[in-house]
Amino acid sequence: MVETNGIELTEQEAELYDRQIRLWGLDSQKRLRSARILIAGINGLGAEIAKNIILSGVKSVTLLDDQNVKEDDFCSQFLAPRSSLGTNRAEASLGRAQQLNPMVELKADKGELSKKSNDYFKNFDVVCIIAAPTLELLRIDEACREAGVKFFAADLWGMFGYSFADLQEHNFAEDVVKHKIVSKPNEKTKTELVTSTVKRILKYPAFQALLDFDYKAQSYARKLKRSGPALPLLRVLQKFRDDENRDPLYSDRDADLLKLMKIRDEIAAELIPNSALTHLFAQISPAAAIVGGAVAHEIIKTVSQKEAPHHNVFLFDPESCCGFIESIGTDALKNN
């Protein structure tokens, strides 16, 4: 039995997580071992996030989803077997998810996200919400801030994906590498690399900051040439969901494309080309793996308190097939 700070790892756990312990240290693995994670929305993106979180060795993961498995899910949702068609998506994902790591406590919750009280989210250390309307994201983020719970919002439309992190005031340790002079006086200068661990604090704004961000400002317009129209495209897609109570469907591609163009023309006509609206139908497995891997990695960094998490928006652009980070709102990074 291995014990640090009152948290125990069995010999079996220490052996299973040996490579991770070597990578980010025993204390970080201990923090993971005590973490309780909620993943709401077990579509293809949610399955990818869940897979990586479960493999990392957290204490528990709750899969929350009131939707049933549909034929479209099999494009990217690998946790639900084909025999589960028509059954609850969270429950259908439980068996394969548990096989990934029997040491993690897993629970399926068939409840509806909008009917969960604010107190519900206090039971977790990290809450990750996928495919939710804007008002729900605002409500849950506010509840998490009141309870001191780390909040992530994530989504994937076709090949376009994003995540937003609200970690409030986040403490972490970062390794800093510097050159140290080791030669004696009057000798040719010799140096060696020395690594030291520095404690830092990074402050995050609430989800409202993403809604308030002015992507039409001149300072951001210059960045569009480098990063593409990802942020205004996100605004268009979120409004489509809020208005239609669903995401664009491949089966209604032509009609939904016209709806997307109408919303685009209303809020960002000059920023989003028609070509950017053609990659947004059904979740694509490779994109789910990329975005899901990025989100899970940020959750692991947050829980382990090892290295700086992204501040604070990750965007995956389908036309360039590149991911990049945008810092929305104000931040403060300082040494302790």
Protein backbone atom coordinates (compact mmCIF):
# COMPACT_ATOMS: atom_id res chain seq x y z
CA MET A 1 0.00 0.00 0.00
CA VAL A 2 1.29 3.44 -0.98
CA GLU A 3 -0.03 6.43 0.97
CA THR A 4 0.52 10.18 0.56
CA ASN A 5 -1.46 13.01 2.14
CA GLY A 6 -4.00 10.54 3.51
CA ILE A 7 -4.81 9.11 0.04
CA GLU A 8 -3.90 5.49 -0.56
CA LEU A 9 -2.86 3.63 -3.69
CA THR A 10 -2.87 -0.15 -3.61
CA GLU A 11 0.15 -2.02 -4.93
CA GLN A 12 -1.99 -3.02 -7.90
CA GLU A 13 -2.85 0.62 -8.64
CA ALA A 14 0.76 1.71 -8.24
CA GLU A 15 1.78 -0.95 -10.78
CA LEU A 16 -1.03 -0.09 -13.22
CA TYR A 17 -0.32 3.67 -13.11
CA ASP A 18 3.47 3.30 -12.96
CA ARG A 19 4.11 5.13 -16.26
CA GLN A 20 1.82 8.00 -15.26
CA ILE A 21 3.47 8.30 -11.86
CA ARG A 22 6.85 8.52 -13.59
CA LEU A 23 5.47 11.19 -15.92
CA TRP A 24 3.74 13.57 -13.50
CA GLY A 25 4.65 12.28 -10.02
CA LEU A 26 2.99 10.38 -7.20
CA ASP A 27 1.24 13.40 -5.68
CA SER A 28 -0.46 14.19 -8.99
CA GLN A 29 -1.63 10.59 -9.35
CA LYS A 30 -2.98 10.77 -5.80
CA ARG A 31 -5.05 13.81 -6.75
CA LEU A 32 -6.41 11.94 -9.75
CA ARG A 33 -7.21 8.97 -7.53
CA SER A 34 -9.49 11.13 -5.37
CA ALA A 35 -11.22 13.05 -8.21
CA ARG A 36 -14.95 12.71 -8.96
CA ILE A 37 -15.83 13.59 -12.57
CA LEU A 38 -19.20 14.25 -14.20
CA ILE A 39 -19.49 13.89 -17.99
CA ALA A 40 -22.90 15.00 -19.27
CA GLY A 41 -23.70 14.07 -22.87
CA ILE A 42 -22.35 10.65 -23.88
CA ASN A 43 -22.23 11.12 -27.64
CA GLY A 44 -19.06 10.43 -29.64
CA LEU A 45 -17.21 13.33 -28.04
CA GLY A 46 -18.39 12.36 -24.57
CA ALA A 47 -17.25 8.77 -25.12
CA GLU A 48 -13.75 9.94 -26.08
CA ILE A 49 -13.49 12.19 -23.03
CA ALA A 50 -14.78 9.43 -20.76
CA LYS A 51 -12.32 6.89 -22.16
CA ASN A 52 -9.28 9.05 -21.45
CA ILE A 53 -10.49 10.13 -18.02
CA ILE A 54 -11.23 6.55 -16.96
CA LEU A 55 -7.83 5.32 -18.15
CA SER A 56 -6.09 8.04 -16.11
CA GLY A 57 -7.26 6.45 -12.85
CA VAL A 58 -9.68 8.90 -11.24
CA LYS A 59 -11.84 7.89 -8.29
CA SER A 60 -15.21 7.97 -10.06
CA VAL A 61 -16.90 8.99 -13.31
CA THR A 62 -20.63 9.63 -13.67
CA LEU A 63 -22.04 9.38 -17.19
CA LEU A 64 -25.15 11.56 -17.46
CA ASP A 65 -27.42 11.28 -20.51
CA ASP A 66 -31.19 11.02 -20.99
CA GLN A 67 -30.95 10.28 -24.73
CA ASN A 68 -31.33 6.85 -26.34
CA VAL A 69 -28.77 5.31 -28.68
CA LYS A 70 -29.53 6.21 -32.32
CA GLU A 71 -28.10 4.91 -35.57
CA ASP A 72 -26.13 8.16 -36.00
CA ASP A 73 -24.27 7.48 -32.74
CA PHE A 74 -22.37 4.60 -34.32
CA CYS A 75 -20.39 7.06 -36.45
CA SER A 76 -18.33 7.98 -33.37
CA GLN A 77 -19.81 6.56 -30.14
CA PHE A 78 -17.71 3.43 -29.59
CA LEU A 79 -18.78 2.71 -25.99
CA ALA A 80 -22.35 1.75 -26.92
CA PRO A 81 -22.60 -1.65 -28.72
CA ARG A 82 -24.89 -2.04 -31.71
CA SER A 83 -27.16 -4.29 -29.69
CA SER A 84 -27.97 -1.28 -27.48
CA LEU A 85 -29.84 0.62 -30.22
CA GLY A 86 -32.87 2.33 -28.66
CA THR A 87 -31.66 2.01 -25.06
CA ASN A 88 -30.36 4.77 -22.80
CA ARG A 89 -26.99 6.03 -24.02
CA ALA A 90 -25.35 6.35 -20.59
CA GLU A 91 -26.40 2.87 -19.48
CA ALA A 92 -25.41 1.36 -22.82
CA SER A 93 -21.92 2.83 -22.46
CA LEU A 94 -21.32 1.56 -18.94
CA GLY A 95 -20.14 -2.00 -19.74
CA ARG A 96 -17.37 -1.12 -22.20
CA ALA A 97 -16.37 1.91 -20.13
CA GLN A 98 -15.87 -0.28 -17.03
CA GLN A 99 -13.69 -2.69 -19.01
CA LEU A 100 -11.27 0.16 -19.69
CA ASN A 101 -10.36 0.37 -16.00
CA PRO A 102 -12.12 -1.81 -13.40
CA MET A 103 -10.54 0.25 -10.60
CA VAL A 104 -12.63 3.35 -11.41
CA GLU A 105 -16.12 3.67 -9.94
CA LEU A 106 -18.60 4.22 -12.79
CA LYS A 107 -22.23 5.25 -12.65
CA ALA A 108 -24.85 5.85 -15.34
CA ASP A 109 -27.41 8.59 -14.70
CA LYS A 110 -30.46 8.63 -17.02
CA GLY A 111 -31.70 11.95 -15.66
CA GLU A 112 -32.28 15.06 -17.75
CA LEU A 113 -29.56 17.68 -17.41
CA SER A 114 -32.00 20.60 -17.25
CA LYS A 115 -33.80 18.99 -14.29
CA LYS A 116 -30.66 18.60 -12.19
CA SER A 117 -30.62 21.07 -9.32
CA ASN A 118 -27.64 23.30 -8.69
CA ASP A 119 -26.80 21.19 -5.64
CA TYR A 120 -26.33 18.14 -7.87
CA PHE A 121 -23.08 19.54 -9.29
CA LYS A 122 -21.57 20.00 -5.83
CA ASN A 123 -20.99 16.23 -5.72
CA PHE A 124 -18.13 16.47 -8.24
CA ASP A 125 -14.67 17.98 -8.52
CA VAL A 126 -14.93 18.53 -12.28
CA VAL A 127 -18.08 18.93 -14.40
CA CYS A 128 -17.86 18.55 -18.19
CA ILE A 129 -21.01 19.48 -20.14
CA ILE A 130 -21.42 18.43 -23.77
CA ALA A 131 -24.09 19.49 -26.29
CA ALA A 132 -26.12 21.70 -23.94
CA PRO A 133 -28.10 24.89 -24.73
CA THR A 134 -26.54 28.22 -23.83
CA LEU A 135 -28.83 28.91 -20.88
CA GLU A 136 -27.98 25.54 -19.34
CA LEU A 137 -24.26 26.18 -19.72
CA LEU A 138 -24.64 29.54 -17.98
CA ARG A 139 -26.70 28.04 -15.16
CA ILE A 140 -24.37 25.11 -14.52
CA ASP A 141 -21.24 27.26 -14.72
CA GLU A 142 -22.70 29.63 -12.13
CA ALA A 143 -23.58 26.68 -9.87
CA CYS A 144 -20.04 25.33 -10.24
CA ARG A 145 -18.50 28.70 -9.40
CA GLU A 146 -20.59 28.93 -6.23
CA ALA A 147 -19.48 25.43 -5.20
CA GLY A 148 -15.83 25.78 -6.23
CA VAL A 149 -16.19 23.03 -8.87
CA LYS A 150 -14.11 23.13 -12.07
CA PHE A 151 -16.29 23.57 -15.18
CA PHE A 152 -15.74 22.53 -18.80
CA ALA A 153 -18.09 22.98 -21.76
CA ALA A 154 -17.32 21.05 -24.95
CA ASP A 155 -18.96 20.35 -28.28
CA LEU A 156 -18.44 18.82 -31.69
CA TRP A 157 -20.38 19.53 -34.86
CA GLY A 158 -19.10 17.39 -37.73
CA MET A 159 -15.40 18.29 -37.91
CA PHE A 160 -15.64 21.49 -35.85
CA GLY A 161 -15.14 21.31 -32.11
CA TYR A 162 -14.38 23.47 -29.10
CA SER A 163 -13.98 23.43 -25.34
CA PHE A 164 -14.24 26.18 -22.73
CA ALA A 165 -12.68 25.97 -19.27
CA ASP A 166 -13.76 27.87 -16.19
CA LEU A 167 -11.33 26.81 -13.46
CA GLN A 168 -11.96 29.98 -11.41
CA GLU A 169 -8.69 30.42 -9.47
CA HIS A 170 -6.51 27.46 -10.32
CA ASN A 171 -3.31 26.50 -8.50
CA PHE A 172 -0.77 24.33 -10.26
CA ALA A 173 2.92 23.45 -10.38
CA GLU A 174 4.98 24.05 -13.51
CA ASP A 175 8.46 22.80 -14.31
CA VAL A 176 10.81 25.58 -15.43
CA VAL A 177 14.03 24.67 -17.22
CA LYS A 178 16.99 27.08 -17.04
CA HIS A 179 20.68 27.04 -17.98
CA LYS A 180 23.02 27.05 -14.98
CA ILE A 181 26.71 27.99 -15.30
CA VAL A 182 28.82 25.14 -13.91
CA SER A 183 32.28 26.18 -15.17
CA LYS A 184 34.90 27.68 -12.85
CA PRO A 185 36.16 31.27 -13.18
CA ASN A 186 38.55 31.85 -16.11
CA GLU A 187 37.38 28.63 -17.78
CA LYS A 188 35.36 28.33 -20.94
CA THR A 189 31.74 28.82 -20.01
CA LYS A 190 29.88 25.55 -19.45
CA THR A 191 26.22 25.22 -18.59
CA GLU A 192 23.80 22.49 -17.70
CA LEU A 193 20.01 22.38 -17.71
CA VAL A 194 18.40 22.63 -14.29
CA THR A 195 14.70 21.98 -13.74
CA SER A 196 12.85 23.65 -10.89
CA THR A 197 9.18 23.44 -9.96
CA VAL A 198 7.33 26.75 -9.66
CA LYS A 199 3.89 27.20 -8.13
CA ARG A 200 1.53 29.42 -10.09
CA ILE A 201 -2.03 30.71 -10.02
CA LEU A 202 -4.16 31.21 -13.12
CA LYS A 203 -7.52 33.01 -12.95
CA TYR A 204 -10.38 32.13 -15.30
CA PRO A 205 -13.53 34.09 -16.20
CA ALA A 206 -17.04 32.62 -16.24
CA PHE A 207 -18.73 31.20 -19.36
CA GLN A 208 -20.48 34.54 -19.81
CA ALA A 209 -17.13 35.95 -21.00
CA LEU A 210 -17.32 33.76 -24.11
CA LEU A 211 -20.79 35.13 -24.94
CA ASP A 212 -19.66 38.71 -24.34
CA PHE A 213 -16.54 38.42 -26.48
CA ASP A 214 -16.57 40.83 -29.44
CA TYR A 215 -15.19 38.84 -32.36
CA LYS A 216 -15.95 41.79 -34.66
CA ALA A 217 -13.43 44.01 -32.87
CA GLN A 218 -10.55 45.17 -35.03
CA SER A 219 -7.97 43.51 -32.79
CA TYR A 220 -9.57 40.12 -33.31
CA ALA A 221 -10.39 40.66 -36.98
CA ARG A 222 -6.65 40.62 -37.71
CA LYS A 223 -6.39 37.20 -36.07
CA LEU A 224 -9.06 35.72 -38.34
CA LYS A 225 -6.48 35.48 -41.10
CA ARG A 226 -4.45 33.13 -38.90
CA SER A 227 -7.05 31.19 -36.95
CA GLY A 228 -10.06 31.26 -39.27
CA PRO A 229 -13.69 31.99 -38.36
CA ALA A 230 -13.89 29.48 -35.50
CA LEU A 231 -15.20 31.79 -32.75
CA PRO A 232 -18.03 33.38 -34.78
CA LEU A 233 -18.83 29.92 -36.19
CA LEU A 234 -19.22 28.66 -32.64
CA ARG A 235 -21.72 31.47 -31.98
CA VAL A 236 -23.73 30.46 -35.08
CA LEU A 237 -23.87 26.79 -34.10
CA GLN A 238 -24.85 27.51 -30.51
CA LYS A 239 -27.66 29.78 -31.71
CA PHE A 240 -28.87 27.07 -34.11
CA ARG A 241 -29.12 24.67 -31.16
CA ASP A 242 -30.88 27.22 -28.97
CA ASP A 243 -33.40 28.04 -31.73
CA GLU A 244 -34.01 24.52 -33.05
CA ASN A 245 -33.46 22.54 -29.83
CA ARG A 246 -31.15 20.22 -31.77
CA ASP A 247 -27.98 20.19 -33.88
CA PRO A 248 -27.76 20.26 -37.69
CA LEU A 249 -28.74 16.88 -39.14
CA TYR A 250 -27.13 15.15 -42.10
CA SER A 251 -30.55 13.77 -43.05
CA ASP A 252 -31.81 17.39 -43.38
CA ARG A 253 -28.53 18.75 -44.68
CA ASP A 254 -29.88 21.08 -47.38
CA ALA A 255 -32.57 22.64 -45.18
CA ASP A 256 -30.29 22.97 -42.17
CA LEU A 257 -27.54 24.51 -44.27
CA LEU A 258 -29.96 27.25 -45.29
CA LYS A 259 -30.83 27.82 -41.62
CA LEU A 260 -27.15 28.05 -40.73
CA MET A 261 -26.57 30.56 -43.52
CA LYS A 262 -29.48 32.68 -42.30
CA ILE A 263 -28.07 32.77 -38.76
CA ARG A 264 -24.61 33.49 -40.16
CA ASP A 265 -25.95 36.40 -42.18
CA GLU A 266 -27.62 37.83 -39.08
CA ILE A 267 -24.64 37.78 -36.74
CA ALA A 268 -21.42 37.26 -38.72
CA ALA A 269 -22.07 37.63 -42.44
CA GLU A 270 -18.66 39.00 -43.35
CA LEU A 271 -16.64 36.60 -41.18
CA ILE A 272 -17.77 33.08 -42.10
CA PRO A 273 -17.47 31.78 -45.69
CA ASN A 274 -19.99 29.27 -47.04
CA SER A 275 -17.29 26.58 -47.11
CA ALA A 276 -17.00 26.71 -43.31
CA LEU A 277 -20.64 25.63 -42.98
CA THR A 278 -20.26 22.40 -44.92
CA HIS A 279 -18.36 20.35 -42.29
CA LEU A 280 -20.90 20.52 -39.49
CA PHE A 281 -23.21 17.53 -39.93
CA ALA A 282 -22.94 14.43 -37.68
CA GLN A 283 -20.02 13.81 -35.35
CA ILE A 284 -16.98 12.45 -37.17
CA SER A 285 -14.95 9.85 -35.28
CA PRO A 286 -11.43 11.27 -35.97
CA ALA A 287 -12.53 14.76 -34.91
CA ALA A 288 -14.16 13.33 -31.78
CA ALA A 289 -10.85 11.64 -30.93
CA ILE A 290 -8.87 14.86 -31.39
CA VAL A 291 -11.20 17.18 -29.48
CA GLY A 292 -12.04 14.56 -26.86
CA GLY A 293 -8.37 13.85 -26.27
CA ALA A 294 -7.64 17.55 -25.87
CA VAL A 295 -10.50 18.08 -23.40
CA ALA A 296 -9.61 15.00 -21.34
CA HIS A 297 -5.97 16.08 -21.20
CA GLU A 298 -7.03 19.47 -19.82
CA ILE A 299 -9.22 17.81 -17.18
CA ILE A 300 -6.33 15.56 -16.16
CA LYS A 301 -3.98 18.55 -15.91
CA THR A 302 -6.57 20.41 -13.86
CA VAL A 303 -7.11 17.58 -11.39
CA SER A 304 -3.43 16.63 -11.09
CA GLN A 305 -2.41 20.31 -10.76
CA LYS A 306 0.56 19.55 -12.98
CA GLU A 307 1.42 22.06 -15.75
CA ALA A 308 -0.68 24.99 -16.95
CA PRO A 309 -4.11 24.19 -18.40
CA HIS A 310 -5.27 26.01 -21.52
CA HIS A 311 -6.59 29.49 -20.87
CA ASN A 312 -9.34 29.15 -21.82
CA VAL A 313 -10.90 28.22 -25.21
CA PHE A 314 -9.72 25.37 -27.44
CA LEU A 315 -10.97 25.41 -31.05
CA PHE A 316 -10.52 22.77 -33.76
CA ASP A 317 -10.89 24.20 -37.25
CA PRO A 318 -12.14 21.68 -39.87
CA GLU A 319 -10.73 23.48 -42.91
CA SER A 320 -7.15 23.62 -41.64
CA CYS A 321 -7.48 20.51 -39.41
CA CYS A 322 -5.62 22.44 -36.71
CA GLY A 323 -6.41 23.15 -33.09
CA PHE A 324 -5.53 26.43 -31.39
CA ILE A 325 -6.10 28.31 -28.15
CA GLU A 326 -7.88 31.62 -27.65
CA SER A 327 -7.65 33.48 -24.33
CA ILE A 328 -11.06 35.02 -23.65
CA GLY A 329 -11.46 37.42 -20.75
CA THR A 330 -8.80 38.59 -18.33
CA ASP A 331 -6.28 36.39 -16.59
CA ALA A 332 -3.64 36.80 -13.92
CA LEU A 333 -0.61 34.53 -13.74
CA LYS A 334 1.74 34.98 -10.85
CA ASN A 335 4.37 33.13 -8.88
CA ASN A 336 3.63 32.07 -5.36
